[in-house]
Amino acid sequence: MRINIIAAVATNRAIGKDNRLIYWLPNDLRRFKTLTMGHTIIMGRRTFESLPKGALPHRRNIVLSRGKAEFPGCEHYLSLEEALSHCQEEEEVYIIGGASIYRQAIKIADRLCLTEIHDIPEDADTFFPPYDDWREEVRESHGADERHAFSYDFVDYVRP
């Protein structure tokens, strides 16, 4: 199984505020959909609750939560370790947030699929873990335009 982490991160590694994404970048959303479609996505409870329509279609949705809440259209496990034990060897898994799940997964992930946004938000309250020790594999740069307020790079990292 290959474990990928996918996130949009600001220059200071900010990823959210008040359980919401900081940035709305149509190309980032398109990339997220393209990469995760047909694969398994794993998220924390608050990330699931932030999805406007619940479970994401055409993906195996797994929610991690210690509570007994219902997550329509999703499998529910108590821990990342338990969720991964229910995944097949050939499965492509994407960790989609939030911060505490990223902190756990970065220790075992094979690849980071990041959108690095060239901005530092003033009031973020949620941050991606440090990844300075990962090796950059691919970078695709994009400038700001009428649909994207900030320049950004799609960057894939692998373990060194």
N, C-alpha and C. Protein backbone atom coordinates (compact mmCIF):
# COMPACT_ATOMS: atom_id res chain seq x y z
N MET A 1 0.85 -1.17 0.00
CA MET A 1 0.00 0.00 0.00
C MET A 1 0.89 1.23 0.00
N ARG A 2 0.46 2.22 -0.76
CA ARG A 2 1.21 3.48 -0.76
C ARG A 2 0.38 4.50 0.00
N ILE A 3 1.02 5.14 0.97
CA ILE A 3 0.35 6.15 1.80
C ILE A 3 0.82 7.52 1.34
N ASN A 4 -0.14 8.32 0.88
CA ASN A 4 0.11 9.67 0.41
C ASN A 4 -0.56 10.65 1.36
N ILE A 5 0.05 11.80 1.53
CA ILE A 5 -0.58 12.89 2.27
C ILE A 5 -0.83 14.00 1.26
N ILE A 6 -2.04 14.54 1.26
CA ILE A 6 -2.38 15.61 0.32
C ILE A 6 -2.88 16.81 1.12
N ALA A 7 -2.32 18.00 0.81
CA ALA A 7 -2.69 19.21 1.56
C ALA A 7 -2.30 20.45 0.77
N ALA A 8 -2.96 21.55 1.07
CA ALA A 8 -2.58 22.87 0.57
C ALA A 8 -1.99 23.63 1.76
N VAL A 9 -0.73 24.05 1.64
CA VAL A 9 -0.03 24.67 2.75
C VAL A 9 0.51 26.04 2.36
N ALA A 10 0.41 26.97 3.29
CA ALA A 10 0.97 28.30 3.08
C ALA A 10 2.48 28.24 3.33
N THR A 11 3.17 29.32 3.05
CA THR A 11 4.62 29.39 3.25
C THR A 11 5.01 29.04 4.68
N ASN A 12 4.17 29.39 5.65
CA ASN A 12 4.45 29.07 7.06
C ASN A 12 3.80 27.75 7.50
N ARG A 13 3.37 26.94 6.55
CA ARG A 13 2.73 25.64 6.75
C ARG A 13 1.30 25.74 7.29
N ALA A 14 0.70 26.94 7.27
CA ALA A 14 -0.69 27.10 7.69
C ALA A 14 -1.60 26.33 6.74
N ILE A 15 -2.62 25.65 7.32
CA ILE A 15 -3.57 24.90 6.48
C ILE A 15 -5.02 25.26 6.77
N GLY A 16 -5.30 25.92 7.90
CA GLY A 16 -6.70 26.19 8.19
C GLY A 16 -6.92 27.23 9.26
N LYS A 17 -8.20 27.60 9.37
CA LYS A 17 -8.66 28.52 10.41
C LYS A 17 -10.11 28.17 10.69
N ASP A 18 -10.43 27.97 11.97
CA ASP A 18 -11.80 27.66 12.39
C ASP A 18 -12.39 26.46 11.63
N ASN A 19 -11.60 25.42 11.47
CA ASN A 19 -12.01 24.19 10.80
C ASN A 19 -12.41 24.41 9.34
N ARG A 20 -11.79 25.38 8.70
CA ARG A 20 -12.03 25.65 7.28
C ARG A 20 -10.70 25.85 6.59
N LEU A 21 -10.67 25.51 5.29
CA LEU A 21 -9.47 25.79 4.50
C LEU A 21 -9.28 27.29 4.39
N ILE A 22 -8.04 27.71 4.33
CA ILE A 22 -7.73 29.14 4.21
C ILE A 22 -7.89 29.61 2.76
N TYR A 23 -7.52 28.74 1.83
CA TYR A 23 -7.46 29.15 0.42
C TYR A 23 -8.50 28.41 -0.42
N TRP A 24 -9.01 29.11 -1.40
CA TRP A 24 -9.91 28.53 -2.39
C TRP A 24 -9.21 28.66 -3.73
N LEU A 25 -8.56 27.58 -4.16
CA LEU A 25 -7.82 27.56 -5.41
C LEU A 25 -8.43 26.49 -6.32
N PRO A 26 -9.17 26.89 -7.35
CA PRO A 26 -9.82 25.90 -8.20
C PRO A 26 -8.88 24.83 -8.75
N ASN A 27 -7.66 25.21 -9.12
CA ASN A 27 -6.72 24.21 -9.65
C ASN A 27 -6.27 23.23 -8.58
N ASP A 28 -6.17 23.68 -7.34
CA ASP A 28 -5.83 22.78 -6.24
C ASP A 28 -6.96 21.78 -6.00
N LEU A 29 -8.20 22.26 -6.05
CA LEU A 29 -9.35 21.37 -5.88
C LEU A 29 -9.42 20.34 -7.00
N ARG A 30 -9.12 20.78 -8.22
CA ARG A 30 -9.11 19.86 -9.36
C ARG A 30 -8.02 18.81 -9.20
N ARG A 31 -6.84 19.24 -8.75
CA ARG A 31 -5.74 18.28 -8.53
C ARG A 31 -6.12 17.28 -7.44
N PHE A 32 -6.71 17.77 -6.36
CA PHE A 32 -7.14 16.89 -5.28
C PHE A 32 -8.09 15.83 -5.81
N LYS A 33 -9.07 16.24 -6.59
CA LYS A 33 -10.05 15.31 -7.14
C LYS A 33 -9.38 14.30 -8.06
N THR A 34 -8.52 14.77 -8.93
CA THR A 34 -7.83 13.89 -9.88
C THR A 34 -6.99 12.84 -9.17
N LEU A 35 -6.23 13.28 -8.17
CA LEU A 35 -5.34 12.34 -7.47
C LEU A 35 -6.10 11.34 -6.61
N THR A 36 -7.17 11.77 -5.95
CA THR A 36 -7.84 10.90 -4.98
C THR A 36 -8.96 10.05 -5.58
N MET A 37 -9.46 10.41 -6.75
CA MET A 37 -10.59 9.70 -7.34
C MET A 37 -10.27 8.22 -7.51
N GLY A 38 -11.19 7.38 -7.04
CA GLY A 38 -11.03 5.94 -7.17
C GLY A 38 -10.13 5.32 -6.11
N HIS A 39 -9.66 6.12 -5.17
CA HIS A 39 -8.75 5.62 -4.14
C HIS A 39 -9.38 5.77 -2.75
N THR A 40 -8.63 5.41 -1.75
CA THR A 40 -9.08 5.51 -0.36
C THR A 40 -8.62 6.84 0.22
N ILE A 41 -9.54 7.55 0.89
CA ILE A 41 -9.16 8.77 1.60
C ILE A 41 -9.43 8.56 3.08
N ILE A 42 -8.50 9.03 3.89
CA ILE A 42 -8.63 8.92 5.35
C ILE A 42 -8.59 10.33 5.92
N MET A 43 -9.55 10.60 6.81
CA MET A 43 -9.66 11.94 7.40
C MET A 43 -10.12 11.84 8.84
N GLY A 44 -9.88 12.91 9.58
CA GLY A 44 -10.40 13.01 10.93
C GLY A 44 -11.85 13.46 10.92
N ARG A 45 -12.48 13.38 12.07
CA ARG A 45 -13.89 13.74 12.22
C ARG A 45 -14.16 15.18 11.80
N ARG A 46 -13.34 16.11 12.26
CA ARG A 46 -13.59 17.52 11.94
C ARG A 46 -13.43 17.80 10.44
N THR A 47 -12.49 17.11 9.80
CA THR A 47 -12.36 17.27 8.35
C THR A 47 -13.63 16.77 7.66
N PHE A 48 -14.13 15.60 8.10
CA PHE A 48 -15.39 15.10 7.53
C PHE A 48 -16.50 16.12 7.73
N GLU A 49 -16.62 16.67 8.92
CA GLU A 49 -17.68 17.65 9.21
C GLU A 49 -17.55 18.91 8.39
N SER A 50 -16.35 19.21 7.92
CA SER A 50 -16.14 20.42 7.11
C SER A 50 -16.51 20.21 5.64
N LEU A 51 -16.71 18.96 5.22
CA LEU A 51 -17.07 18.70 3.82
C LEU A 51 -18.51 19.14 3.59
N PRO A 52 -18.76 19.97 2.58
CA PRO A 52 -20.10 20.53 2.39
C PRO A 52 -21.19 19.50 2.12
N LYS A 53 -20.83 18.38 1.47
CA LYS A 53 -21.84 17.38 1.12
C LYS A 53 -21.54 16.02 1.73
N GLY A 54 -20.71 15.98 2.76
CA GLY A 54 -20.39 14.70 3.40
C GLY A 54 -19.38 13.91 2.61
N ALA A 55 -19.52 12.58 2.62
CA ALA A 55 -18.55 11.68 1.98
C ALA A 55 -18.30 12.09 0.53
N LEU A 56 -17.04 12.03 0.12
CA LEU A 56 -16.68 12.40 -1.25
C LEU A 56 -16.97 11.23 -2.19
N PRO A 57 -17.65 11.50 -3.29
CA PRO A 57 -18.05 10.42 -4.20
C PRO A 57 -16.87 9.75 -4.90
N HIS A 58 -17.09 8.48 -5.28
CA HIS A 58 -16.14 7.70 -6.07
C HIS A 58 -14.80 7.50 -5.37
N ARG A 59 -14.84 7.48 -4.04
CA ARG A 59 -13.68 7.21 -3.22
C ARG A 59 -14.12 6.39 -2.02
N ARG A 60 -13.25 5.59 -1.49
CA ARG A 60 -13.51 4.91 -0.23
C ARG A 60 -13.19 5.91 0.88
N ASN A 61 -14.20 6.35 1.61
CA ASN A 61 -14.05 7.35 2.66
C ASN A 61 -13.90 6.66 4.01
N ILE A 62 -12.84 7.01 4.73
CA ILE A 62 -12.62 6.50 6.07
C ILE A 62 -12.47 7.69 7.01
N VAL A 63 -13.24 7.65 8.11
CA VAL A 63 -13.17 8.71 9.12
C VAL A 63 -12.58 8.11 10.40
N LEU A 64 -11.64 8.84 10.97
CA LEU A 64 -11.05 8.45 12.24
C LEU A 64 -11.68 9.26 13.35
N SER A 65 -12.22 8.58 14.34
CA SER A 65 -12.84 9.27 15.46
C SER A 65 -12.94 8.31 16.63
N ARG A 66 -12.66 8.82 17.82
CA ARG A 66 -12.79 8.00 19.03
C ARG A 66 -14.24 7.96 19.51
N GLY A 67 -15.08 8.83 18.98
CA GLY A 67 -16.49 8.86 19.36
C GLY A 67 -17.30 7.85 18.57
N LYS A 68 -18.59 7.77 18.91
CA LYS A 68 -19.47 6.80 18.24
C LYS A 68 -20.41 7.47 17.25
N ALA A 69 -20.03 8.60 16.72
CA ALA A 69 -20.88 9.32 15.77
C ALA A 69 -21.07 8.53 14.49
N GLU A 70 -22.10 8.87 13.75
CA GLU A 70 -22.36 8.27 12.44
C GLU A 70 -21.72 9.13 11.36
N PHE A 71 -21.13 8.48 10.38
CA PHE A 71 -20.51 9.16 9.26
C PHE A 71 -21.06 8.53 7.98
N PRO A 72 -22.21 9.05 7.50
CA PRO A 72 -22.87 8.44 6.33
C PRO A 72 -21.92 8.32 5.13
N GLY A 73 -21.92 7.14 4.53
CA GLY A 73 -21.10 6.89 3.36
C GLY A 73 -19.64 6.63 3.66
N CYS A 74 -19.31 6.48 4.96
CA CYS A 74 -17.92 6.31 5.36
C CYS A 74 -17.74 5.09 6.25
N GLU A 75 -16.55 4.56 6.23
CA GLU A 75 -16.14 3.60 7.24
C GLU A 75 -15.60 4.40 8.42
N HIS A 76 -15.68 3.83 9.60
CA HIS A 76 -15.26 4.54 10.80
C HIS A 76 -14.31 3.64 11.58
N TYR A 77 -13.15 4.18 11.93
CA TYR A 77 -12.17 3.46 12.76
C TYR A 77 -11.69 4.39 13.87
N LEU A 78 -11.16 3.78 14.92
CA LEU A 78 -10.73 4.54 16.09
C LEU A 78 -9.35 5.16 15.92
N SER A 79 -8.52 4.58 15.05
CA SER A 79 -7.14 5.07 14.91
C SER A 79 -6.67 4.89 13.46
N LEU A 80 -5.61 5.61 13.14
CA LEU A 80 -4.99 5.49 11.82
C LEU A 80 -4.47 4.07 11.63
N GLU A 81 -3.85 3.53 12.64
CA GLU A 81 -3.32 2.16 12.56
C GLU A 81 -4.43 1.16 12.25
N GLU A 82 -5.57 1.28 12.92
CA GLU A 82 -6.70 0.38 12.67
C GLU A 82 -7.22 0.54 11.25
N ALA A 83 -7.37 1.79 10.80
CA ALA A 83 -7.86 2.04 9.44
C ALA A 83 -6.94 1.41 8.40
N LEU A 84 -5.64 1.60 8.56
CA LEU A 84 -4.69 1.06 7.60
C LEU A 84 -4.69 -0.46 7.60
N SER A 85 -4.98 -1.06 8.74
CA SER A 85 -5.03 -2.53 8.81
C SER A 85 -6.19 -3.09 7.99
N HIS A 86 -7.17 -2.24 7.66
CA HIS A 86 -8.31 -2.65 6.84
C HIS A 86 -8.12 -2.29 5.36
N CYS A 87 -6.95 -1.80 5.01
CA CYS A 87 -6.64 -1.48 3.62
C CYS A 87 -5.82 -2.62 3.01
N GLN A 88 -6.03 -2.82 1.72
CA GLN A 88 -5.32 -3.87 1.00
C GLN A 88 -3.93 -3.41 0.58
N GLU A 89 -3.06 -4.37 0.36
CA GLU A 89 -1.67 -4.07 -0.01
C GLU A 89 -1.58 -3.21 -1.28
N GLU A 90 -2.50 -3.44 -2.24
CA GLU A 90 -2.43 -2.71 -3.52
C GLU A 90 -3.16 -1.36 -3.48
N GLU A 91 -3.74 -1.02 -2.35
CA GLU A 91 -4.51 0.22 -2.24
C GLU A 91 -3.63 1.46 -2.23
N GLU A 92 -4.13 2.50 -2.87
CA GLU A 92 -3.51 3.82 -2.84
C GLU A 92 -4.32 4.61 -1.82
N VAL A 93 -3.67 5.05 -0.75
CA VAL A 93 -4.35 5.74 0.35
C VAL A 93 -3.90 7.19 0.38
N TYR A 94 -4.87 8.09 0.54
CA TYR A 94 -4.58 9.53 0.68
C TYR A 94 -5.08 10.01 2.03
N ILE A 95 -4.19 10.59 2.81
CA ILE A 95 -4.55 11.21 4.08
C ILE A 95 -4.91 12.66 3.74
N ILE A 96 -6.15 13.08 4.08
CA ILE A 96 -6.62 14.40 3.64
C ILE A 96 -6.82 15.38 4.80
N GLY A 97 -6.42 15.03 6.01
CA GLY A 97 -6.50 15.96 7.13
C GLY A 97 -7.31 15.42 8.27
N GLY A 98 -7.35 16.13 9.34
CA GLY A 98 -6.74 17.40 9.63
C GLY A 98 -5.35 17.27 10.23
N ALA A 99 -4.99 18.33 10.96
CA ALA A 99 -3.62 18.48 11.44
C ALA A 99 -3.16 17.31 12.30
N SER A 100 -3.99 16.82 13.20
CA SER A 100 -3.54 15.72 14.07
C SER A 100 -3.34 14.44 13.26
N ILE A 101 -4.16 14.21 12.25
CA ILE A 101 -4.00 13.03 11.40
C ILE A 101 -2.74 13.19 10.56
N TYR A 102 -2.47 14.40 10.06
CA TYR A 102 -1.23 14.64 9.31
C TYR A 102 -0.02 14.34 10.19
N ARG A 103 -0.05 14.80 11.44
CA ARG A 103 1.10 14.57 12.36
C ARG A 103 1.35 13.08 12.56
N GLN A 104 0.29 12.29 12.66
CA GLN A 104 0.46 10.84 12.82
C GLN A 104 0.96 10.21 11.51
N ALA A 105 0.39 10.61 10.40
CA ALA A 105 0.65 9.95 9.12
C ALA A 105 2.01 10.30 8.53
N ILE A 106 2.54 11.48 8.84
CA ILE A 106 3.80 11.89 8.21
C ILE A 106 4.95 10.96 8.60
N LYS A 107 4.80 10.28 9.71
CA LYS A 107 5.84 9.34 10.17
C LYS A 107 5.88 8.07 9.32
N ILE A 108 4.77 7.76 8.64
CA ILE A 108 4.70 6.49 7.89
C ILE A 108 4.39 6.70 6.41
N ALA A 109 4.13 7.94 5.99
CA ALA A 109 3.75 8.21 4.60
C ALA A 109 4.91 7.96 3.65
N ASP A 110 4.55 7.64 2.40
CA ASP A 110 5.53 7.43 1.34
C ASP A 110 5.72 8.69 0.49
N ARG A 111 4.66 9.50 0.40
CA ARG A 111 4.70 10.65 -0.51
C ARG A 111 3.84 11.78 0.05
N LEU A 112 4.29 13.01 -0.18
CA LEU A 112 3.50 14.21 0.13
C LEU A 112 3.11 14.84 -1.20
N CYS A 113 1.84 15.11 -1.37
CA CYS A 113 1.33 15.80 -2.57
C CYS A 113 0.82 17.16 -2.08
N LEU A 114 1.68 18.15 -2.15
CA LEU A 114 1.35 19.45 -1.55
C LEU A 114 1.12 20.51 -2.60
N THR A 115 0.22 21.41 -2.28
CA THR A 115 0.10 22.66 -3.00
C THR A 115 0.68 23.71 -2.07
N GLU A 116 1.83 24.25 -2.45
CA GLU A 116 2.51 25.25 -1.62
C GLU A 116 2.10 26.63 -2.12
N ILE A 117 1.38 27.35 -1.26
CA ILE A 117 0.83 28.66 -1.63
C ILE A 117 1.77 29.74 -1.13
N HIS A 118 2.12 30.65 -2.01
CA HIS A 118 3.08 31.70 -1.69
C HIS A 118 2.38 32.86 -0.96
N ASP A 119 2.07 32.59 0.30
CA ASP A 119 1.39 33.57 1.15
C ASP A 119 1.57 33.14 2.60
N ILE A 120 1.49 34.11 3.49
CA ILE A 120 1.50 33.82 4.92
C ILE A 120 0.24 34.46 5.52
N PRO A 121 -0.77 33.64 5.82
CA PRO A 121 -2.01 34.19 6.39
C PRO A 121 -1.76 34.67 7.82
N GLU A 122 -2.44 35.74 8.19
CA GLU A 122 -2.22 36.35 9.51
C GLU A 122 -2.85 35.58 10.65
N ASP A 123 -3.97 34.93 10.42
CA ASP A 123 -4.74 34.40 11.55
C ASP A 123 -5.02 32.90 11.48
N ALA A 124 -4.15 32.14 10.85
CA ALA A 124 -4.35 30.69 10.78
C ALA A 124 -4.23 30.09 12.18
N ASP A 125 -4.96 29.00 12.41
CA ASP A 125 -4.87 28.33 13.71
C ASP A 125 -4.51 26.85 13.58
N THR A 126 -4.29 26.39 12.36
CA THR A 126 -3.97 24.99 12.12
C THR A 126 -2.81 24.91 11.13
N PHE A 127 -1.83 24.04 11.45
CA PHE A 127 -0.60 23.99 10.65
C PHE A 127 -0.23 22.56 10.29
N PHE A 128 0.39 22.42 9.14
CA PHE A 128 0.91 21.15 8.66
C PHE A 128 2.23 20.88 9.38
N PRO A 129 2.55 19.62 9.65
CA PRO A 129 3.82 19.34 10.34
C PRO A 129 5.03 19.67 9.46
N PRO A 130 6.19 19.89 10.07
CA PRO A 130 7.40 20.17 9.29
C PRO A 130 7.72 19.02 8.34
N TYR A 131 8.23 19.37 7.17
CA TYR A 131 8.60 18.36 6.18
C TYR A 131 9.92 18.70 5.49
N ASP A 132 10.76 19.45 6.17
CA ASP A 132 12.05 19.89 5.61
C ASP A 132 12.96 18.72 5.22
N ASP A 133 12.78 17.59 5.87
CA ASP A 133 13.67 16.46 5.61
C ASP A 133 13.20 15.58 4.44
N TRP A 134 12.09 15.93 3.80
CA TRP A 134 11.60 15.17 2.65
C TRP A 134 12.33 15.66 1.39
N ARG A 135 12.42 14.80 0.39
CA ARG A 135 13.10 15.13 -0.86
C ARG A 135 12.09 15.50 -1.93
N GLU A 136 12.29 16.66 -2.52
CA GLU A 136 11.40 17.11 -3.60
C GLU A 136 11.60 16.23 -4.82
N GLU A 137 10.49 15.78 -5.39
CA GLU A 137 10.54 14.92 -6.56
C GLU A 137 10.07 15.67 -7.81
N VAL A 138 8.97 16.41 -7.70
CA VAL A 138 8.39 17.12 -8.84
C VAL A 138 7.83 18.45 -8.34
N ARG A 139 8.04 19.50 -9.14
CA ARG A 139 7.47 20.82 -8.82
C ARG A 139 6.89 21.43 -10.09
N GLU A 140 5.67 21.94 -9.97
CA GLU A 140 5.00 22.60 -11.08
C GLU A 140 4.51 23.95 -10.56
N SER A 141 5.07 25.04 -11.09
CA SER A 141 4.77 26.38 -10.58
C SER A 141 3.65 27.05 -11.38
N HIS A 142 2.82 27.83 -10.65
CA HIS A 142 1.70 28.55 -11.26
C HIS A 142 1.65 29.95 -10.68
N GLY A 143 1.43 30.93 -11.51
CA GLY A 143 1.31 32.30 -11.06
C GLY A 143 -0.12 32.63 -10.65
N ALA A 144 -0.27 33.72 -9.93
CA ALA A 144 -1.60 34.20 -9.59
C ALA A 144 -2.33 34.59 -10.88
N ASP A 145 -3.65 34.47 -10.87
CA ASP A 145 -4.44 34.86 -12.03
C ASP A 145 -5.84 35.27 -11.55
N GLU A 146 -6.77 35.45 -12.48
CA GLU A 146 -8.10 35.93 -12.10
C GLU A 146 -8.85 34.94 -11.20
N ARG A 147 -8.49 33.67 -11.20
CA ARG A 147 -9.16 32.67 -10.36
C ARG A 147 -8.34 32.25 -9.14
N HIS A 148 -7.07 32.68 -9.08
CA HIS A 148 -6.17 32.27 -8.01
C HIS A 148 -5.46 33.52 -7.49
N ALA A 149 -5.80 33.91 -6.26
CA ALA A 149 -5.29 35.17 -5.70
C ALA A 149 -3.78 35.12 -5.41
N PHE A 150 -3.22 33.93 -5.29
CA PHE A 150 -1.80 33.80 -4.94
C PHE A 150 -1.12 32.84 -5.92
N SER A 151 0.18 33.05 -6.10
CA SER A 151 0.94 32.06 -6.86
C SER A 151 1.11 30.82 -5.98
N TYR A 152 1.33 29.68 -6.63
CA TYR A 152 1.40 28.42 -5.89
C TYR A 152 2.19 27.40 -6.72
N ASP A 153 2.65 26.37 -6.04
CA ASP A 153 3.35 25.27 -6.69
C ASP A 153 2.70 23.96 -6.29
N PHE A 154 2.55 23.05 -7.24
CA PHE A 154 2.20 21.67 -6.93
C PHE A 154 3.54 20.96 -6.73
N VAL A 155 3.75 20.39 -5.55
CA VAL A 155 5.03 19.77 -5.25
C VAL A 155 4.79 18.38 -4.66
N ASP A 156 5.48 17.39 -5.22
CA ASP A 156 5.46 16.04 -4.67
C ASP A 156 6.80 15.81 -3.99
N TYR A 157 6.73 15.28 -2.78
CA TYR A 157 7.92 14.94 -2.01
C TYR A 157 7.90 13.44 -1.71
N VAL A 158 9.08 12.87 -1.62
CA VAL A 158 9.23 11.48 -1.21
C VAL A 158 10.20 11.41 -0.03
N ARG A 159 10.15 10.30 0.67
CA ARG A 159 11.09 10.11 1.77
C ARG A 159 12.52 10.12 1.24
N PRO A 160 13.44 10.73 1.97
CA PRO A 160 14.85 10.75 1.49
C PRO A 160 15.48 9.36 1.55
